[in-house]
Structures are given as C-alpha cells and as structure tokens.
C-alpha cells in the first residue's frame, strides 16, 4: 500500500496572521497551542486531512508542506537522498503524538515525513 498523506502544515513569519488569513479565507477553526504559536485545524470531512498553521522556527523560511506517514523516518530520508533529495530536519519527537522529519525534493520543495507513536 502506498504511504498516505496525513497532515498539512503552513509556517509563516507570524503564526497569528497566517491563521487569521486562512481561517478567514476557508472558515477554518483552530485549536491554538499558544506556547508554540501553532494552531491545529481539524479535518473537515471523510476525504479531508487535518493540519496546522504556525510560526516558522528561527532560521526557517515560511513554507507550506504536507506530511506523508511512513514506518521508518530514517529509511525514508536515506531513500530520498539516494533519489536526489536532501534531509532538512532529522527525525524529531512530537511528545505524545509520534515523530517527524523534513526532506527536500530535488527542486528544494519541503516534504514532511510522519511516524505515529
């Protein structure tokens, strides 16, 4: 079975302004995690995925990405590099949720990898 897309993420210079824009545009509601300046967006139906909108970490340019669920983050990072990609962020824990990593495709687009807990 192919790996499913399970989450999207929009990181901007100002998380609040980004949430205001996308919330106003699409009528999205957020569960804001104030300590991280991050708002979770619930999936809007059967064929929808949830996501998050927040402030880009220091040193990271604003980005829009999607997350693909995989069973082994490092194996997929290694595979991506063999195919011409580049690791942008190594596997990192999301306490109580799972872990993630970022990889760039050959054109520099950021793709998130996600492994549930």
C-alpha atoms as a PDB file:
ATOM      1  CA  UNK A   1       0.000   0.000   0.000  1.00  0.00           C
ATOM      2  CA  UNK A   2       1.252   3.498  -0.815  1.00  0.00           C
ATOM      3  CA  UNK A   3       2.102   5.863   2.038  1.00  0.00           C
ATOM      4  CA  UNK A   4      -0.847   8.188   2.780  1.00  0.00           C
ATOM      5  CA  UNK A   5      -0.784  11.986   3.097  1.00  0.00           C
ATOM      6  CA  UNK A   6      -1.914  12.576   6.695  1.00  0.00           C
ATOM      7  CA  UNK A   7      -1.278  16.235   7.596  1.00  0.00           C
ATOM      8  CA  UNK A   8      -0.543  19.631   6.063  1.00  0.00           C
ATOM      9  CA  UNK A   9       1.397  22.486   7.578  1.00  0.00           C
ATOM     10  CA  UNK A  10       1.715  26.178   6.837  1.00  0.00           C
ATOM     11  CA  UNK A  11       4.508  28.017   8.657  1.00  0.00           C
ATOM     12  CA  UNK A  12       4.702  31.772   8.255  1.00  0.00           C
ATOM     13  CA  UNK A  13       6.576  34.723   9.705  1.00  0.00           C
ATOM     14  CA  UNK A  14       3.628  35.438  12.047  1.00  0.00           C
ATOM     15  CA  UNK A  15       1.537  32.424  13.052  1.00  0.00           C
ATOM     16  CA  UNK A  16      -1.401  34.556  14.204  1.00  0.00           C
ATOM     17  CA  UNK A  17      -1.591  36.462  10.930  1.00  0.00           C
ATOM     18  CA  UNK A  18      -1.346  33.235   8.947  1.00  0.00           C
ATOM     19  CA  UNK A  19      -4.192  31.686  10.962  1.00  0.00           C
ATOM     20  CA  UNK A  20      -6.253  34.856  10.529  1.00  0.00           C
ATOM     21  CA  UNK A  21      -5.755  34.730   6.744  1.00  0.00           C
ATOM     22  CA  UNK A  22      -6.516  31.024   6.236  1.00  0.00           C
ATOM     23  CA  UNK A  23      -9.277  31.000   8.860  1.00  0.00           C
ATOM     24  CA  UNK A  24     -10.982  33.932   7.166  1.00  0.00           C
ATOM     25  CA  UNK A  25     -10.484  32.502   3.692  1.00  0.00           C
ATOM     26  CA  UNK A  26     -11.664  28.939   4.373  1.00  0.00           C
ATOM     27  CA  UNK A  27     -13.647  29.337   7.634  1.00  0.00           C
ATOM     28  CA  UNK A  28     -11.168  27.092   9.453  1.00  0.00           C
ATOM     29  CA  UNK A  29     -11.239  26.945  13.264  1.00  0.00           C
ATOM     30  CA  UNK A  30      -8.063  26.372  15.269  1.00  0.00           C
ATOM     31  CA  UNK A  31      -7.075  24.647  18.479  1.00  0.00           C
ATOM     32  CA  UNK A  32      -4.208  27.021  19.286  1.00  0.00           C
ATOM     33  CA  UNK A  33      -1.159  25.755  21.159  1.00  0.00           C
ATOM     34  CA  UNK A  34      -0.051  29.177  22.442  1.00  0.00           C
ATOM     35  CA  UNK A  35       3.348  28.046  23.745  1.00  0.00           C
ATOM     36  CA  UNK A  36       4.277  27.011  20.183  1.00  0.00           C
ATOM     37  CA  UNK A  37       2.305  29.691  18.262  1.00  0.00           C
ATOM     38  CA  UNK A  38       0.683  26.784  16.415  1.00  0.00           C
ATOM     39  CA  UNK A  39      -2.955  26.125  15.615  1.00  0.00           C
ATOM     40  CA  UNK A  40      -4.298  22.692  14.722  1.00  0.00           C
ATOM     41  CA  UNK A  41      -7.000  22.516  12.036  1.00  0.00           C
ATOM     42  CA  UNK A  42      -9.419  19.595  12.238  1.00  0.00           C
ATOM     43  CA  UNK A  43     -10.184  17.529   9.164  1.00  0.00           C
ATOM     44  CA  UNK A  44     -13.365  18.826   7.528  1.00  0.00           C
ATOM     45  CA  UNK A  45     -14.871  15.508   6.460  1.00  0.00           C
ATOM     46  CA  UNK A  46     -14.189  11.972   5.266  1.00  0.00           C
ATOM     47  CA  UNK A  47     -11.931  12.951   2.375  1.00  0.00           C
ATOM     48  CA  UNK A  48     -10.084  15.642   4.310  1.00  0.00           C
ATOM     49  CA  UNK A  49      -6.894  15.717   6.352  1.00  0.00           C
ATOM     50  CA  UNK A  50      -6.169  17.954   9.299  1.00  0.00           C
ATOM     51  CA  UNK A  51      -3.258  20.299   9.516  1.00  0.00           C
ATOM     52  CA  UNK A  52      -1.545  23.043  11.395  1.00  0.00           C
ATOM     53  CA  UNK A  53      -0.646  26.698  10.944  1.00  0.00           C
ATOM     54  CA  UNK A  54       2.014  28.431  12.965  1.00  0.00           C
ATOM     55  CA  UNK A  55       5.192  30.467  13.139  1.00  0.00           C
ATOM     56  CA  UNK A  56       8.220  29.175  11.259  1.00  0.00           C
ATOM     57  CA  UNK A  57      11.097  28.275  13.584  1.00  0.00           C
ATOM     58  CA  UNK A  58      14.035  30.672  13.718  1.00  0.00           C
ATOM     59  CA  UNK A  59      16.171  30.234  10.605  1.00  0.00           C
ATOM     60  CA  UNK A  60      13.404  28.501   8.605  1.00  0.00           C
ATOM     61  CA  UNK A  61      11.778  30.351   5.706  1.00  0.00           C
ATOM     62  CA  UNK A  62       7.969  30.338   5.536  1.00  0.00           C
ATOM     63  CA  UNK A  63       6.743  27.130   3.947  1.00  0.00           C
ATOM     64  CA  UNK A  64       3.712  25.102   3.030  1.00  0.00           C
ATOM     65  CA  UNK A  65       4.169  21.348   3.145  1.00  0.00           C
ATOM     66  CA  UNK A  66       2.334  18.081   3.539  1.00  0.00           C
ATOM     67  CA  UNK A  67       3.215  15.083   5.683  1.00  0.00           C
ATOM     68  CA  UNK A  68       3.319  11.504   4.468  1.00  0.00           C
ATOM     69  CA  UNK A  69       3.007   8.695   7.003  1.00  0.00           C
ATOM     70  CA  UNK A  70       5.899   6.234   6.901  1.00  0.00           C
ATOM     71  CA  UNK A  71       7.072   3.371   9.093  1.00  0.00           C
ATOM     72  CA  UNK A  72      10.760   4.363   9.355  1.00  0.00           C
ATOM     73  CA  UNK A  73      11.756   8.027   9.145  1.00  0.00           C
ATOM     74  CA  UNK A  74      15.486   7.484   8.691  1.00  0.00           C
ATOM     75  CA  UNK A  75      14.989   4.849   5.994  1.00  0.00           C
ATOM     76  CA  UNK A  76      12.854   7.304   4.001  1.00  0.00           C
ATOM     77  CA  UNK A  77      15.373  10.127   4.499  1.00  0.00           C
ATOM     78  CA  UNK A  78      18.116   7.818   3.207  1.00  0.00           C
ATOM     79  CA  UNK A  79      15.958   6.765   0.250  1.00  0.00           C
ATOM     80  CA  UNK A  80      15.156  10.409  -0.580  1.00  0.00           C
ATOM     81  CA  UNK A  81      18.855  11.304  -0.573  1.00  0.00           C
ATOM     82  CA  UNK A  82      19.620   8.412  -2.960  1.00  0.00           C
ATOM     83  CA  UNK A  83      16.922   9.835  -5.265  1.00  0.00           C
ATOM     84  CA  UNK A  84      18.467  13.330  -5.248  1.00  0.00           C
ATOM     85  CA  UNK A  85      16.746  14.820  -2.199  1.00  0.00           C
ATOM     86  CA  UNK A  86      18.249  16.337   0.922  1.00  0.00           C
ATOM     87  CA  UNK A  87      17.465  15.972   4.626  1.00  0.00           C
ATOM     88  CA  UNK A  88      16.246  19.304   6.023  1.00  0.00           C
ATOM     89  CA  UNK A  89      15.356  18.140   9.540  1.00  0.00           C
ATOM     90  CA  UNK A  90      16.332  14.808  11.123  1.00  0.00           C
ATOM     91  CA  UNK A  91      13.799  12.676  12.984  1.00  0.00           C
ATOM     92  CA  UNK A  92      12.379  14.617  15.933  1.00  0.00           C
ATOM     93  CA  UNK A  93       9.858  13.579  18.569  1.00  0.00           C
ATOM     94  CA  UNK A  94       6.424  15.155  18.944  1.00  0.00           C
ATOM     95  CA  UNK A  95       5.638  14.201  22.565  1.00  0.00           C
ATOM     96  CA  UNK A  96       2.568  12.001  22.837  1.00  0.00           C
ATOM     97  CA  UNK A  97       1.962  12.065  19.068  1.00  0.00           C
ATOM     98  CA  UNK A  98       4.862  10.482  17.170  1.00  0.00           C
ATOM     99  CA  UNK A  99       7.836  11.868  15.288  1.00  0.00           C
ATOM    100  CA  UNK A 100       8.583  13.783  12.095  1.00  0.00           C
ATOM    101  CA  UNK A 101      11.377  14.685   9.690  1.00  0.00           C
ATOM    102  CA  UNK A 102      11.672  17.041   6.703  1.00  0.00           C
ATOM    103  CA  UNK A 103      13.188  16.223   3.339  1.00  0.00           C
ATOM    104  CA  UNK A 104      13.694  18.440   0.287  1.00  0.00           C
ATOM    105  CA  UNK A 105      12.915  17.046  -3.145  1.00  0.00           C
ATOM    106  CA  UNK A 106      15.434  17.707  -5.965  1.00  0.00           C
ATOM    107  CA  UNK A 107      13.769  21.111  -6.600  1.00  0.00           C
ATOM    108  CA  UNK A 108      14.033  22.129  -2.940  1.00  0.00           C
ATOM    109  CA  UNK A 109      10.356  21.592  -2.001  1.00  0.00           C
ATOM    110  CA  UNK A 110       9.932  20.570   1.631  1.00  0.00           C
ATOM    111  CA  UNK A 111       8.033  17.327   2.292  1.00  0.00           C
ATOM    112  CA  UNK A 112       7.238  16.202   5.818  1.00  0.00           C
ATOM    113  CA  UNK A 113       7.548  12.588   6.937  1.00  0.00           C
ATOM    114  CA  UNK A 114       5.486  11.411   9.894  1.00  0.00           C
ATOM    115  CA  UNK A 115       5.591   8.291  12.048  1.00  0.00           C
ATOM    116  CA  UNK A 116       2.817   7.876  14.630  1.00  0.00           C
ATOM    117  CA  UNK A 117       3.683   6.928  18.209  1.00  0.00           C
END
